[in-house]
Amino acid sequence: MSRANLWTLMLLILGVVASGVAVVHAKYLTRTEFGRLQDLRAQRDAIDVEWNRLRLEEAAHSTHALVERKAREELGMFLPRPGDVLLLEEAPHASP
């Protein structure tokens, strides 16, 4: 085997080993990032569950009956008696 062929063979072997190491490293990075992606998806799902719970809670707190009860008990509000209601009508605008 000539010296040129030996150098070519050594370069090819070095290239194969380097590409093998690069493949292993890329696979490692892929698995690491996939694990991170799964963690982020789990966080997203937990946040979605919390968001839906908060939306239900908001809907429960904003029902008409609850708002009316709080207005009566905490603010001392009440429905006006019919005699307390004054109806104002706007007069039609006259043309100049």
PDB file of N, CA and C in Angstrom:
ATOM      1  N   MET A   1       0.852  -1.160   0.000  1.00  0.00           N
ATOM      2  CA  MET A   1       0.000   0.000   0.000  1.00  0.00           C
ATOM      3  C   MET A   1       0.902   1.228   0.000  1.00  0.00           C
ATOM      4  N   SER A   2       0.591   2.170  -0.872  1.00  0.00           N
ATOM      5  CA  SER A   2       1.432   3.364  -0.971  1.00  0.00           C
ATOM      6  C   SER A   2       1.071   4.352   0.130  1.00  0.00           C
ATOM      7  N   ARG A   3       1.962   5.292   0.300  1.00  0.00           N
ATOM      8  CA  ARG A   3       1.776   6.289   1.354  1.00  0.00           C
ATOM      9  C   ARG A   3       0.521   7.139   1.066  1.00  0.00           C
ATOM     10  N   ALA A   4       0.240   7.459  -0.182  1.00  0.00           N
ATOM     11  CA  ALA A   4      -0.933   8.260  -0.551  1.00  0.00           C
ATOM     12  C   ALA A   4      -2.202   7.491  -0.232  1.00  0.00           C
ATOM     13  N   ASN A   5      -2.209   6.207  -0.551  1.00  0.00           N
ATOM     14  CA  ASN A   5      -3.389   5.391  -0.248  1.00  0.00           C
ATOM     15  C   ASN A   5      -3.604   5.282   1.259  1.00  0.00           C
ATOM     16  N   LEU A   6      -2.511   5.197   2.018  1.00  0.00           N
ATOM     17  CA  LEU A   6      -2.608   5.104   3.464  1.00  0.00           C
ATOM     18  C   LEU A   6      -3.211   6.382   4.049  1.00  0.00           C
ATOM     19  N   TRP A   7      -2.758   7.537   3.541  1.00  0.00           N
ATOM     20  CA  TRP A   7      -3.324   8.806   4.011  1.00  0.00           C
ATOM     21  C   TRP A   7      -4.798   8.930   3.639  1.00  0.00           C
ATOM     22  N   THR A   8      -5.152   8.501   2.462  1.00  0.00           N
ATOM     23  CA  THR A   8      -6.556   8.530   2.037  1.00  0.00           C
ATOM     24  C   THR A   8      -7.405   7.646   2.933  1.00  0.00           C
ATOM     25  N   LEU A   9      -6.901   6.461   3.232  1.00  0.00           N
ATOM     26  CA  LEU A   9      -7.621   5.538   4.109  1.00  0.00           C
ATOM     27  C   LEU A   9      -7.774   6.135   5.501  1.00  0.00           C
ATOM     28  N   MET A  10      -6.732   6.756   6.024  1.00  0.00           N
ATOM     29  CA  MET A  10      -6.782   7.375   7.351  1.00  0.00           C
ATOM     30  C   MET A  10      -7.791   8.528   7.376  1.00  0.00           C
ATOM     31  N   LEU A  11      -7.823   9.333   6.314  1.00  0.00           N
ATOM     32  CA  LEU A  11      -8.787  10.432   6.238  1.00  0.00           C
ATOM     33  C   LEU A  11     -10.217   9.909   6.165  1.00  0.00           C
ATOM     34  N   LEU A  12     -10.424   8.843   5.408  1.00  0.00           N
ATOM     35  CA  LEU A  12     -11.762   8.255   5.315  1.00  0.00           C
ATOM     36  C   LEU A  12     -12.207   7.694   6.674  1.00  0.00           C
ATOM     37  N   ILE A  13     -11.304   7.008   7.359  1.00  0.00           N
ATOM     38  CA  ILE A  13     -11.632   6.469   8.681  1.00  0.00           C
ATOM     39  C   ILE A  13     -11.943   7.601   9.650  1.00  0.00           C
ATOM     40  N   LEU A  14     -11.140   8.664   9.606  1.00  0.00           N
ATOM     41  CA  LEU A  14     -11.367   9.819  10.471  1.00  0.00           C
ATOM     42  C   LEU A  14     -12.711  10.476  10.142  1.00  0.00           C
ATOM     43  N   GLY A  15     -13.047  10.565   8.872  1.00  0.00           N
ATOM     44  CA  GLY A  15     -14.330  11.140   8.455  1.00  0.00           C
ATOM     45  C   GLY A  15     -15.497  10.304   8.939  1.00  0.00           C
ATOM     46  N   VAL A  16     -15.371   8.976   8.844  1.00  0.00           N
ATOM     47  CA  VAL A  16     -16.449   8.086   9.299  1.00  0.00           C
ATOM     48  C   VAL A  16     -16.637   8.212  10.807  1.00  0.00           C
ATOM     49  N   VAL A  17     -15.530   8.229  11.551  1.00  0.00           N
ATOM     50  CA  VAL A  17     -15.619   8.363  13.013  1.00  0.00           C
ATOM     51  C   VAL A  17     -16.225   9.723  13.385  1.00  0.00           C
ATOM     52  N   ALA A  18     -15.776  10.797  12.720  1.00  0.00           N
ATOM     53  CA  ALA A  18     -16.296  12.135  13.011  1.00  0.00           C
ATOM     54  C   ALA A  18     -17.787  12.220  12.705  1.00  0.00           C
ATOM     55  N   SER A  19     -18.218  11.649  11.588  1.00  0.00           N
ATOM     56  CA  SER A  19     -19.637  11.695  11.260  1.00  0.00           C
ATOM     57  C   SER A  19     -20.445  10.839  12.240  1.00  0.00           C
ATOM     58  N   GLY A  20     -19.885   9.741  12.699  1.00  0.00           N
ATOM     59  CA  GLY A  20     -20.566   8.913  13.709  1.00  0.00           C
ATOM     60  C   GLY A  20     -20.748   9.666  15.010  1.00  0.00           C
ATOM     61  N   VAL A  21     -19.691  10.378  15.428  1.00  0.00           N
ATOM     62  CA  VAL A  21     -19.792  11.185  16.651  1.00  0.00           C
ATOM     63  C   VAL A  21     -20.826  12.293  16.458  1.00  0.00           C
ATOM     64  N   ALA A  22     -20.849  12.907  15.291  1.00  0.00           N
ATOM     65  CA  ALA A  22     -21.821  13.963  15.012  1.00  0.00           C
ATOM     66  C   ALA A  22     -23.247  13.421  15.045  1.00  0.00           C
ATOM     67  N   VAL A  23     -23.477  12.233  14.524  1.00  0.00           N
ATOM     68  CA  VAL A  23     -24.804  11.619  14.545  1.00  0.00           C
ATOM     69  C   VAL A  23     -25.237  11.345  15.982  1.00  0.00           C
ATOM     70  N   VAL A  24     -24.336  10.805  16.787  1.00  0.00           N
ATOM     71  CA  VAL A  24     -24.660  10.522  18.193  1.00  0.00           C
ATOM     72  C   VAL A  24     -24.982  11.820  18.929  1.00  0.00           C
ATOM     73  N   HIS A  25     -24.195  12.861  18.673  1.00  0.00           N
ATOM     74  CA  HIS A  25     -24.438  14.148  19.334  1.00  0.00           C
ATOM     75  C   HIS A  25     -25.785  14.732  18.906  1.00  0.00           C
ATOM     76  N   ALA A  26     -26.094  14.671  17.619  1.00  0.00           N
ATOM     77  CA  ALA A  26     -27.372  15.181  17.123  1.00  0.00           C
ATOM     78  C   ALA A  26     -28.540  14.408  17.741  1.00  0.00           C
ATOM     79  N   LYS A  27     -28.391  13.102  17.854  1.00  0.00           N
ATOM     80  CA  LYS A  27     -29.434  12.278  18.464  1.00  0.00           C
ATOM     81  C   LYS A  27     -29.631  12.665  19.935  1.00  0.00           C
ATOM     82  N   TYR A  28     -28.529  12.912  20.643  1.00  0.00           N
ATOM     83  CA  TYR A  28     -28.596  13.338  22.042  1.00  0.00           C
ATOM     84  C   TYR A  28     -29.338  14.666  22.160  1.00  0.00           C
ATOM     85  N   LEU A  29     -28.992  15.626  21.299  1.00  0.00           N
ATOM     86  CA  LEU A  29     -29.662  16.926  21.334  1.00  0.00           C
ATOM     87  C   LEU A  29     -31.151  16.789  21.017  1.00  0.00           C
ATOM     88  N   THR A  30     -31.473  15.921  20.071  1.00  0.00           N
ATOM     89  CA  THR A  30     -32.871  15.705  19.716  1.00  0.00           C
ATOM     90  C   THR A  30     -33.652  15.151  20.899  1.00  0.00           C
ATOM     91  N   ARG A  31     -33.104  14.177  21.581  1.00  0.00           N
ATOM     92  CA  ARG A  31     -33.792  13.599  22.740  1.00  0.00           C
ATOM     93  C   ARG A  31     -33.927  14.607  23.864  1.00  0.00           C
ATOM     94  N   THR A  32     -32.889  15.402  24.082  1.00  0.00           N
ATOM     95  CA  THR A  32     -32.945  16.430  25.119  1.00  0.00           C
ATOM     96  C   THR A  32     -34.041  17.447  24.819  1.00  0.00           C
ATOM     97  N   GLU A  33     -34.088  17.922  23.599  1.00  0.00           N
ATOM     98  CA  GLU A  33     -35.097  18.909  23.215  1.00  0.00           C
ATOM     99  C   GLU A  33     -36.497  18.299  23.211  1.00  0.00           C
ATOM    100  N   PHE A  34     -36.617  17.032  22.857  1.00  0.00           N
ATOM    101  CA  PHE A  34     -37.926  16.386  22.891  1.00  0.00           C
ATOM    102  C   PHE A  34     -38.434  16.300  24.335  1.00  0.00           C
ATOM    103  N   GLY A  35     -37.546  15.987  25.267  1.00  0.00           N
ATOM    104  CA  GLY A  35     -37.929  15.975  26.679  1.00  0.00           C
ATOM    105  C   GLY A  35     -38.384  17.347  27.144  1.00  0.00           C
ATOM    106  N   ARG A  36     -37.664  18.373  26.711  1.00  0.00           N
ATOM    107  CA  ARG A  36     -38.046  19.751  27.052  1.00  0.00           C
ATOM    108  C   ARG A  36     -39.404  20.091  26.445  1.00  0.00           C
ATOM    109  N   LEU A  37     -39.634  19.666  25.215  1.00  0.00           N
ATOM    110  CA  LEU A  37     -40.920  19.898  24.559  1.00  0.00           C
ATOM    111  C   LEU A  37     -42.051  19.233  25.336  1.00  0.00           C
ATOM    112  N   GLN A  38     -41.827  18.013  25.788  1.00  0.00           N
ATOM    113  CA  GLN A  38     -42.853  17.310  26.565  1.00  0.00           C
ATOM    114  C   GLN A  38     -43.144  18.048  27.867  1.00  0.00           C
ATOM    115  N   ASP A  39     -42.113  18.571  28.519  1.00  0.00           N
ATOM    116  CA  ASP A  39     -42.316  19.349  29.748  1.00  0.00           C
ATOM    117  C   ASP A  39     -43.137  20.603  29.477  1.00  0.00           C
ATOM    118  N   LEU A  40     -42.816  21.281  28.385  1.00  0.00           N
ATOM    119  CA  LEU A  40     -43.562  22.493  28.031  1.00  0.00           C
ATOM    120  C   LEU A  40     -45.015  22.172  27.688  1.00  0.00           C
ATOM    121  N   ARG A  41     -45.251  21.071  27.022  1.00  0.00           N
ATOM    122  CA  ARG A  41     -46.634  20.670  26.722  1.00  0.00           C
ATOM    123  C   ARG A  41     -47.399  20.359  27.999  1.00  0.00           C
ATOM    124  N   ALA A  42     -46.748  19.715  28.951  1.00  0.00           N
ATOM    125  CA  ALA A  42     -47.395  19.420  30.233  1.00  0.00           C
ATOM    126  C   ALA A  42     -47.729  20.720  30.959  1.00  0.00           C
ATOM    127  N   GLN A  43     -46.816  21.697  30.921  1.00  0.00           N
ATOM    128  CA  GLN A  43     -47.092  22.997  31.533  1.00  0.00           C
ATOM    129  C   GLN A  43     -48.261  23.677  30.844  1.00  0.00           C
ATOM    130  N   ARG A  44     -48.283  23.622  29.511  1.00  0.00           N
ATOM    131  CA  ARG A  44     -49.383  24.228  28.758  1.00  0.00           C
ATOM    132  C   ARG A  44     -50.707  23.604  29.140  1.00  0.00           C
ATOM    133  N   ASP A  45     -50.734  22.275  29.255  1.00  0.00           N
ATOM    134  CA  ASP A  45     -51.969  21.588  29.626  1.00  0.00           C
ATOM    135  C   ASP A  45     -52.418  21.981  31.030  1.00  0.00           C
ATOM    136  N   ALA A  46     -51.473  22.109  31.953  1.00  0.00           N
ATOM    137  CA  ALA A  46     -51.815  22.517  33.318  1.00  0.00           C
ATOM    138  C   ALA A  46     -52.366  23.943  33.325  1.00  0.00           C
ATOM    139  N   ILE A  47     -51.772  24.810  32.515  1.00  0.00           N
ATOM    140  CA  ILE A  47     -52.250  26.194  32.435  1.00  0.00           C
ATOM    141  C   ILE A  47     -53.644  26.226  31.808  1.00  0.00           C
ATOM    142  N   ASP A  48     -53.888  25.405  30.801  1.00  0.00           N
ATOM    143  CA  ASP A  48     -55.222  25.336  30.195  1.00  0.00           C
ATOM    144  C   ASP A  48     -56.265  24.882  31.210  1.00  0.00           C
ATOM    145  N   VAL A  49     -55.925  23.888  32.018  1.00  0.00           N
ATOM    146  CA  VAL A  49     -56.857  23.408  33.043  1.00  0.00           C
ATOM    147  C   VAL A  49     -57.153  24.527  34.041  1.00  0.00           C
ATOM    148  N   GLU A  50     -56.111  25.224  34.473  1.00  0.00           N
ATOM    149  CA  GLU A  50     -56.297  26.339  35.417  1.00  0.00           C
ATOM    150  C   GLU A  50     -57.135  27.447  34.797  1.00  0.00           C
ATOM    151  N   TRP A  51     -56.884  27.758  33.536  1.00  0.00           N
ATOM    152  CA  TRP A  51     -57.644  28.804  32.834  1.00  0.00           C
ATOM    153  C   TRP A  51     -59.128  28.439  32.775  1.00  0.00           C
ATOM    154  N   ASN A  52     -59.421  27.191  32.429  1.00  0.00           N
ATOM    155  CA  ASN A  52     -60.818  26.766  32.370  1.00  0.00           C
ATOM    156  C   ASN A  52     -61.472  26.813  33.738  1.00  0.00           C
ATOM    157  N   ARG A  53     -60.721  26.439  34.790  1.00  0.00           N
ATOM    158  CA  ARG A  53     -61.263  26.513  36.147  1.00  0.00           C
ATOM    159  C   ARG A  53     -61.573  27.959  36.515  1.00  0.00           C
ATOM    160  N   LEU A  54     -60.682  28.876  36.160  1.00  0.00           N
ATOM    161  CA  LEU A  54     -60.898  30.286  36.460  1.00  0.00           C
ATOM    162  C   LEU A  54     -62.077  30.861  35.671  1.00  0.00           C
ATOM    163  N   ARG A  55     -62.244  30.426  34.449  1.00  0.00           N
ATOM    164  CA  ARG A  55     -63.393  30.882  33.656  1.00  0.00           C
ATOM    165  C   ARG A  55     -64.696  30.419  34.277  1.00  0.00           C
ATOM    166  N   LEU A  56     -64.733  29.169  34.752  1.00  0.00           N
ATOM    167  CA  LEU A  56     -65.934  28.673  35.426  1.00  0.00           C
ATOM    168  C   LEU A  56     -66.194  29.447  36.720  1.00  0.00           C
ATOM    169  N   GLU A  57     -65.135  29.723  37.452  1.00  0.00           N
ATOM    170  CA  GLU A  57     -65.272  30.479  38.694  1.00  0.00           C
ATOM    171  C   GLU A  57     -65.780  31.887  38.413  1.00  0.00           C
ATOM    172  N   GLU A  58     -65.257  32.507  37.362  1.00  0.00           N
ATOM    173  CA  GLU A  58     -65.714  33.847  36.996  1.00  0.00           C
ATOM    174  C   GLU A  58     -67.189  33.820  36.620  1.00  0.00           C
ATOM    175  N   ALA A  59     -67.601  32.807  35.860  1.00  0.00           N
ATOM    176  CA  ALA A  59     -69.003  32.696  35.470  1.00  0.00           C
ATOM    177  C   ALA A  59     -69.892  32.511  36.699  1.00  0.00           C
ATOM    178  N   ALA A  60     -69.412  31.742  37.672  1.00  0.00           N
ATOM    179  CA  ALA A  60     -70.209  31.519  38.879  1.00  0.00           C
ATOM    180  C   ALA A  60     -70.328  32.805  39.695  1.00  0.00           C
ATOM    181  N   HIS A  61     -69.270  33.618  39.722  1.00  0.00           N
ATOM    182  CA  HIS A  61     -69.298  34.853  40.509  1.00  0.00           C
ATOM    183  C   HIS A  61     -70.069  35.968  39.826  1.00  0.00           C
ATOM    184  N   SER A  62     -70.322  35.850  38.552  1.00  0.00           N
ATOM    185  CA  SER A  62     -70.999  36.935  37.844  1.00  0.00           C
ATOM    186  C   SER A  62     -72.450  36.608  37.516  1.00  0.00           C
ATOM    187  N   THR A  63     -73.023  35.618  38.173  1.00  0.00           N
ATOM    188  CA  THR A  63     -74.430  35.323  37.927  1.00  0.00           C
ATOM    189  C   THR A  63     -75.289  36.460  38.465  1.00  0.00           C
ATOM    190  N   HIS A  64     -76.446  36.642  37.866  1.00  0.00           N
ATOM    191  CA  HIS A  64     -77.339  37.742  38.240  1.00  0.00           C
ATOM    192  C   HIS A  64     -77.747  37.655  39.710  1.00  0.00           C
ATOM    193  N   ALA A  65     -78.084  36.467  40.166  1.00  0.00           N
ATOM    194  CA  ALA A  65     -78.525  36.302  41.553  1.00  0.00           C
ATOM    195  C   ALA A  65     -77.415  36.675  42.535  1.00  0.00           C
ATOM    196  N   LEU A  66     -76.200  36.281  42.255  1.00  0.00           N
ATOM    197  CA  LEU A  66     -75.086  36.592  43.149  1.00  0.00           C
ATOM    198  C   LEU A  66     -74.808  38.088  43.177  1.00  0.00           C
ATOM    199  N   VAL A  67     -74.836  38.725  42.016  1.00  0.00           N
ATOM    200  CA  VAL A  67     -74.603  40.166  41.946  1.00  0.00           C
ATOM    201  C   VAL A  67     -75.707  40.906  42.698  1.00  0.00           C
ATOM    202  N   GLU A  68     -76.938  40.474  42.523  1.00  0.00           N
ATOM    203  CA  GLU A  68     -78.052  41.132  43.220  1.00  0.00           C
ATOM    204  C   GLU A  68     -77.950  40.946  44.731  1.00  0.00           C
ATOM    205  N   ARG A  69     -77.586  39.760  45.172  1.00  0.00           N
ATOM    206  CA  ARG A  69     -77.454  39.502  46.614  1.00  0.00           C
ATOM    207  C   ARG A  69     -76.349  40.376  47.207  1.00  0.00           C
ATOM    208  N   LYS A  70     -75.207  40.453  46.518  1.00  0.00           N
ATOM    209  CA  LYS A  70     -74.121  41.294  47.023  1.00  0.00           C
ATOM    210  C   LYS A  70     -74.535  42.761  47.046  1.00  0.00           C
ATOM    211  N   ALA A  71     -75.269  43.214  46.034  1.00  0.00           N
ATOM    212  CA  ALA A  71     -75.722  44.608  45.997  1.00  0.00           C
ATOM    213  C   ALA A  71     -76.637  44.896  47.184  1.00  0.00           C
ATOM    214  N   ARG A  72     -77.514  43.974  47.495  1.00  0.00           N
ATOM    215  CA  ARG A  72     -78.434  44.177  48.623  1.00  0.00           C
ATOM    216  C   ARG A  72     -77.710  44.106  49.964  1.00  0.00           C
ATOM    217  N   GLU A  73     -76.916  43.058  50.173  1.00  0.00           N
ATOM    218  CA  GLU A  73     -76.316  42.824  51.481  1.00  0.00           C
ATOM    219  C   GLU A  73     -75.105  43.712  51.749  1.00  0.00           C
ATOM    220  N   GLU A  74     -74.215  43.840  50.801  1.00  0.00           N
ATOM    221  CA  GLU A  74     -72.971  44.553  51.057  1.00  0.00           C
ATOM    222  C   GLU A  74     -73.053  46.046  50.754  1.00  0.00           C
ATOM    223  N   LEU A  75     -73.868  46.421  49.777  1.00  0.00           N
ATOM    224  CA  LEU A  75     -73.939  47.823  49.384  1.00  0.00           C
ATOM    225  C   LEU A  75     -75.218  48.507  49.845  1.00  0.00           C
ATOM    226  N   GLY A  76     -76.158  47.728  50.380  1.00  0.00           N
ATOM    227  CA  GLY A  76     -77.410  48.308  50.862  1.00  0.00           C
ATOM    228  C   GLY A  76     -78.299  48.820  49.749  1.00  0.00           C
ATOM    229  N   MET A  77     -78.159  48.271  48.562  1.00  0.00           N
ATOM    230  CA  MET A  77     -78.971  48.707  47.424  1.00  0.00           C
ATOM    231  C   MET A  77     -80.312  47.988  47.447  1.00  0.00           C
ATOM    232  N   PHE A  78     -81.299  48.588  46.806  1.00  0.00           N
ATOM    233  CA  PHE A  78     -82.626  47.981  46.734  1.00  0.00           C
ATOM    234  C   PHE A  78     -83.300  48.433  45.455  1.00  0.00           C
ATOM    235  N   LEU A  79     -84.344  47.696  45.063  1.00  0.00           N
ATOM    236  CA  LEU A  79     -85.128  48.091  43.896  1.00  0.00           C
ATOM    237  C   LEU A  79     -85.978  49.292  44.279  1.00  0.00           C
ATOM    238  N   PRO A  80     -86.055  50.291  43.434  1.00  0.00           N
ATOM    239  CA  PRO A  80     -86.881  51.466  43.771  1.00  0.00           C
ATOM    240  C   PRO A  80     -88.367  51.103  43.736  1.00  0.00           C
ATOM    241  N   ARG A  81     -89.126  51.776  44.602  1.00  0.00           N
ATOM    242  CA  ARG A  81     -90.573  51.584  44.606  1.00  0.00           C
ATOM    243  C   ARG A  81     -91.139  52.261  43.360  1.00  0.00           C
ATOM    244  N   PRO A  82     -92.304  51.823  42.916  1.00  0.00           N
ATOM    245  CA  PRO A  82     -92.875  52.445  41.700  1.00  0.00           C
ATOM    246  C   PRO A  82     -93.022  53.949  41.818  1.00  0.00           C
ATOM    247  N   GLY A  83     -93.319  54.472  43.001  1.00  0.00           N
ATOM    248  CA  GLY A  83     -93.458  55.915  43.179  1.00  0.00           C
ATOM    249  C   GLY A  83     -92.137  56.656  43.106  1.00  0.00           C
ATOM    250  N   ASP A  84     -91.037  55.957  43.297  1.00  0.00           N
ATOM    251  CA  ASP A  84     -89.713  56.582  43.249  1.00  0.00           C
ATOM    252  C   ASP A  84     -89.156  56.686  41.826  1.00  0.00           C
ATOM    253  N   VAL A  85     -89.837  56.042  40.888  1.00  0.00           N
ATOM    254  CA  VAL A  85     -89.343  56.025  39.507  1.00  0.00           C
ATOM    255  C   VAL A  85     -89.936  57.213  38.761  1.00  0.00           C
ATOM    256  N   LEU A  86     -89.106  58.000  38.141  1.00  0.00           N
ATOM    257  CA  LEU A  86     -89.536  59.148  37.362  1.00  0.00           C
ATOM    258  C   LEU A  86     -89.107  58.914  35.924  1.00  0.00           C
ATOM    259  N   LEU A  87     -90.058  58.955  35.019  1.00  0.00           N
ATOM    260  CA  LEU A  87     -89.789  58.708  33.612  1.00  0.00           C
ATOM    261  C   LEU A  87     -89.657  60.040  32.902  1.00  0.00           C
ATOM    262  N   LEU A  88     -88.527  60.257  32.275  1.00  0.00           N
ATOM    263  CA  LEU A  88     -88.279  61.485  31.526  1.00  0.00           C
ATOM    264  C   LEU A  88     -88.306  61.163  30.050  1.00  0.00           C
ATOM    265  N   GLU A  89     -89.025  62.004  29.320  1.00  0.00           N
ATOM    266  CA  GLU A  89     -89.061  61.833  27.876  1.00  0.00           C
ATOM    267  C   GLU A  89     -88.393  63.041  27.243  1.00  0.00           C
ATOM    268  N   GLU A  90     -87.621  62.775  26.227  1.00  0.00           N
ATOM    269  CA  GLU A  90     -86.937  63.859  25.531  1.00  0.00           C
ATOM    270  C   GLU A  90     -87.896  64.450  24.514  1.00  0.00           C
ATOM    271  N   ALA A  91     -87.976  65.753  24.540  1.00  0.00           N
ATOM    272  CA  ALA A  91     -88.844  66.439  23.590  1.00  0.00           C
ATOM    273  C   ALA A  91     -88.231  66.358  22.208  1.00  0.00           C
ATOM    274  N   PRO A  92     -89.051  66.199  21.178  1.00  0.00           N
ATOM    275  CA  PRO A  92     -88.507  66.161  19.823  1.00  0.00           C
ATOM    276  C   PRO A  92     -87.854  67.489  19.472  1.00  0.00           C
ATOM    277  N   HIS A  93     -86.778  67.431  18.740  1.00  0.00           N
ATOM    278  CA  HIS A  93     -86.077  68.642  18.335  1.00  0.00           C
ATOM    279  C   HIS A  93     -86.846  69.328  17.214  1.00  0.00           C
ATOM    280  N   ALA A  94     -87.037  70.584  17.386  1.00  0.00           N
ATOM    281  CA  ALA A  94     -87.753  71.347  16.356  1.00  0.00           C
ATOM    282  C   ALA A  94     -86.761  71.752  15.261  1.00  0.00           C
ATOM    283  N   SER A  95     -87.242  71.767  14.023  1.00  0.00           N
ATOM    284  CA  SER A  95     -86.418  72.193  12.910  1.00  0.00           C
ATOM    285  C   SER A  95     -86.375  73.714  12.870  1.00  0.00           C
ATOM    286  N   PRO A  96     -85.209  74.346  12.657  1.00  0.00           N
ATOM    287  CA  PRO A  96     -85.144  75.809  12.621  1.00  0.00           C
ATOM    288  C   PRO A  96     -85.722  76.409  11.368  1.00  0.00           C
TER     289      PRO A  96
END
